[in-house]
C-alpha atoms as a PDB file:
ATOM      1  CA  MET A   1    -103.124  45.109 -16.764  1.00  0.00           C
ATOM      2  CA  ALA A   2    -104.526  43.624 -13.351  1.00  0.00           C
ATOM      3  CA  ASN A   3    -104.117  45.373 -10.309  1.00  0.00           C
ATOM      4  CA  ILE A   4    -104.518  42.359  -8.083  1.00  0.00           C
ATOM      5  CA  LYS A   5    -101.362  40.165  -6.863  1.00  0.00           C
ATOM      6  CA  SER A   6    -103.257  36.792  -7.972  1.00  0.00           C
ATOM      7  CA  ALA A   7    -104.637  38.283 -10.610  1.00  0.00           C
ATOM      8  CA  LYS A   8    -100.966  39.286 -11.904  1.00  0.00           C
ATOM      9  CA  LYS A   9     -99.832  35.826 -10.776  1.00  0.00           C
ATOM     10  CA  ARG A  10    -102.510  34.041 -12.895  1.00  0.00           C
ATOM     11  CA  ILE A  11    -101.957  36.147 -15.756  1.00  0.00           C
ATOM     12  CA  LEU A  12     -98.316  34.843 -15.885  1.00  0.00           C
ATOM     13  CA  VAL A  13     -98.946  30.894 -15.175  1.00  0.00           C
ATOM     14  CA  ASN A  14    -101.647  30.943 -17.766  1.00  0.00           C
ATOM     15  CA  ARG A  15     -98.961  32.303 -20.408  1.00  0.00           C
ATOM     16  CA  THR A  16     -96.671  29.644 -19.358  1.00  0.00           C
ATOM     17  CA  LYS A  17     -98.817  27.314 -19.617  1.00  0.00           C
ATOM     18  CA  ALA A  18    -100.332  28.449 -23.002  1.00  0.00           C
ATOM     19  CA  ALA A  19     -96.640  28.087 -24.505  1.00  0.00           C
ATOM     20  CA  ARG A  20     -96.152  24.574 -22.894  1.00  0.00           C
ATOM     21  CA  ASN A  21     -99.471  23.653 -24.792  1.00  0.00           C
ATOM     22  CA  LYS A  22     -98.510  25.086 -27.810  1.00  0.00           C
ATOM     23  CA  SER A  23     -95.107  23.111 -28.102  1.00  0.00           C
ATOM     24  CA  ILE A  24     -96.732  20.001 -27.229  1.00  0.00           C
ATOM     25  CA  LYS A  25     -99.320  20.593 -30.001  1.00  0.00           C
ATOM     26  CA  SER A  26     -96.354  21.302 -32.506  1.00  0.00           C
ATOM     27  CA  GLY A  27     -94.416  18.305 -31.486  1.00  0.00           C
ATOM     28  CA  VAL A  28     -97.905  16.394 -32.382  1.00  0.00           C
ATOM     29  CA  LYS A  29     -98.470  17.694 -35.456  1.00  0.00           C
ATOM     30  CA  THR A  30     -95.090  17.390 -36.373  1.00  0.00           C
ATOM     31  CA  ALA A  31     -95.143  13.689 -35.763  1.00  0.00           C
ATOM     32  CA  VAL A  32     -98.668  13.135 -37.596  1.00  0.00           C
ATOM     33  CA  LYS A  33     -97.352  15.018 -40.748  1.00  0.00           C
ATOM     34  CA  LYS A  34     -94.491  12.587 -40.546  1.00  0.00           C
ATOM     35  CA  VAL A  35     -97.051   9.894 -40.566  1.00  0.00           C
ATOM     36  CA  ARG A  36     -99.156  11.385 -43.411  1.00  0.00           C
ATOM     37  CA  VAL A  37     -95.709  11.828 -45.686  1.00  0.00           C
ATOM     38  CA  ALA A  38     -94.648   8.398 -45.173  1.00  0.00           C
ATOM     39  CA  ILE A  39     -98.645   7.143 -46.523  1.00  0.00           C
ATOM     40  CA  GLU A  40     -98.281   9.516 -49.393  1.00  0.00           C
ATOM     41  CA  ALA A  41     -94.972   7.846 -50.130  1.00  0.00           C
ATOM     42  CA  ASN A  42     -96.146   4.461 -49.951  1.00  0.00           C
ATOM     43  CA  ASP A  43     -93.155   3.786 -47.632  1.00  0.00           C
ATOM     44  CA  LYS A  44     -94.753   0.954 -45.198  1.00  0.00           C
ATOM     45  CA  PRO A  45     -91.881   0.290 -42.774  1.00  0.00           C
ATOM     46  CA  ALA A  46     -91.716   4.327 -42.292  1.00  0.00           C
ATOM     47  CA  ALA A  47     -95.078   4.847 -41.810  1.00  0.00           C
ATOM     48  CA  ASP A  48     -95.314   2.150 -39.122  1.00  0.00           C
ATOM     49  CA  ALA A  49     -92.344   3.527 -37.487  1.00  0.00           C
ATOM     50  CA  ALA A  50     -93.601   7.166 -37.565  1.00  0.00           C
ATOM     51  CA  LEU A  51     -97.149   5.942 -36.187  1.00  0.00           C
ATOM     52  CA  LEU A  52     -95.248   4.558 -33.001  1.00  0.00           C
ATOM     53  CA  ALA A  53     -93.615   7.826 -32.669  1.00  0.00           C
ATOM     54  CA  ALA A  54     -97.105  10.090 -33.004  1.00  0.00           C
ATOM     55  CA  THR A  55     -99.395   7.755 -30.956  1.00  0.00           C
ATOM     56  CA  SER A  56     -96.598   8.196 -28.269  1.00  0.00           C
ATOM     57  CA  ALA A  57     -96.537  12.027 -28.893  1.00  0.00           C
ATOM     58  CA  ILE A  58    -100.381  12.269 -28.841  1.00  0.00           C
ATOM     59  CA  ASP A  59    -100.869   9.547 -25.747  1.00  0.00           C
ATOM     60  CA  LYS A  60     -98.269  12.346 -23.803  1.00  0.00           C
ATOM     61  CA  ALA A  61    -100.025  15.167 -24.934  1.00  0.00           C
ATOM     62  CA  ALA A  62    -103.666  13.657 -23.717  1.00  0.00           C
ATOM     63  CA  LYS A  63    -101.650  12.648 -20.287  1.00  0.00           C
ATOM     64  CA  ARG A  64    -100.790  16.528 -19.482  1.00  0.00           C
ATOM     65  CA  GLY A  65    -104.101  17.388 -20.345  1.00  0.00           C
ATOM     66  CA  VAL A  66    -103.653  19.444 -23.682  1.00  0.00           C
ATOM     67  CA  TYR A  67    -105.650  16.853 -25.207  1.00  0.00           C
ATOM     68  CA  HIS A  68    -109.030  15.391 -24.239  1.00  0.00           C
ATOM     69  CA  LYS A  69    -108.654  11.295 -24.048  1.00  0.00           C
ATOM     70  CA  ASN A  70    -111.299  11.002 -26.568  1.00  0.00           C
ATOM     71  CA  THR A  71    -109.553  13.192 -28.918  1.00  0.00           C
ATOM     72  CA  ALA A  72    -106.375  11.517 -28.533  1.00  0.00           C
ATOM     73  CA  SER A  73    -108.098   8.437 -29.072  1.00  0.00           C
ATOM     74  CA  ARG A  74    -109.623   9.500 -31.745  1.00  0.00           C
ATOM     75  CA  LYS A  75    -106.226  11.131 -33.484  1.00  0.00           C
ATOM     76  CA  VAL A  76    -104.605   7.660 -32.928  1.00  0.00           C
ATOM     77  CA  SER A  77    -107.525   5.510 -34.231  1.00  0.00           C
ATOM     78  CA  ARG A  78    -107.441   7.478 -37.600  1.00  0.00           C
ATOM     79  CA  LEU A  79    -103.985   7.680 -38.339  1.00  0.00           C
ATOM     80  CA  ALA A  80    -103.232   3.784 -37.419  1.00  0.00           C
ATOM     81  CA  GLN A  81    -106.559   3.105 -39.986  1.00  0.00           C
ATOM     82  CA  ALA A  82    -105.135   5.111 -42.652  1.00  0.00           C
ATOM     83  CA  VAL A  83    -101.732   3.085 -41.858  1.00  0.00           C
ATOM     84  CA  ASN A  84    -103.467   0.040 -41.927  1.00  0.00           C
ATOM     85  CA  GLN A  85    -105.062   0.614 -45.402  1.00  0.00           C
ATOM     86  CA  MET A  86    -101.820   1.115 -47.152  1.00  0.00           C
ATOM     87  CA  ALA A  87    -101.487  -3.024 -47.358  1.00  0.00           C
END
């Protein structure tokens, strides 16, 4: 355990940020899963709606620094491509 006050604070701050990041990543994974399920079910309207929600969640995660902007862009692109190939 750290003895210096600033090191103790860093531990607390890092724990808080890790919990926040984990929560955001979990939300993104859930949104992506909903898109995948809609694609598997061959339900185009549901897939489009889920894609919109997933894109929003991914973009917010990137804005908050949870994902790198290129990673977020790649995730959105691959999801959109999967939905567009349904037609």
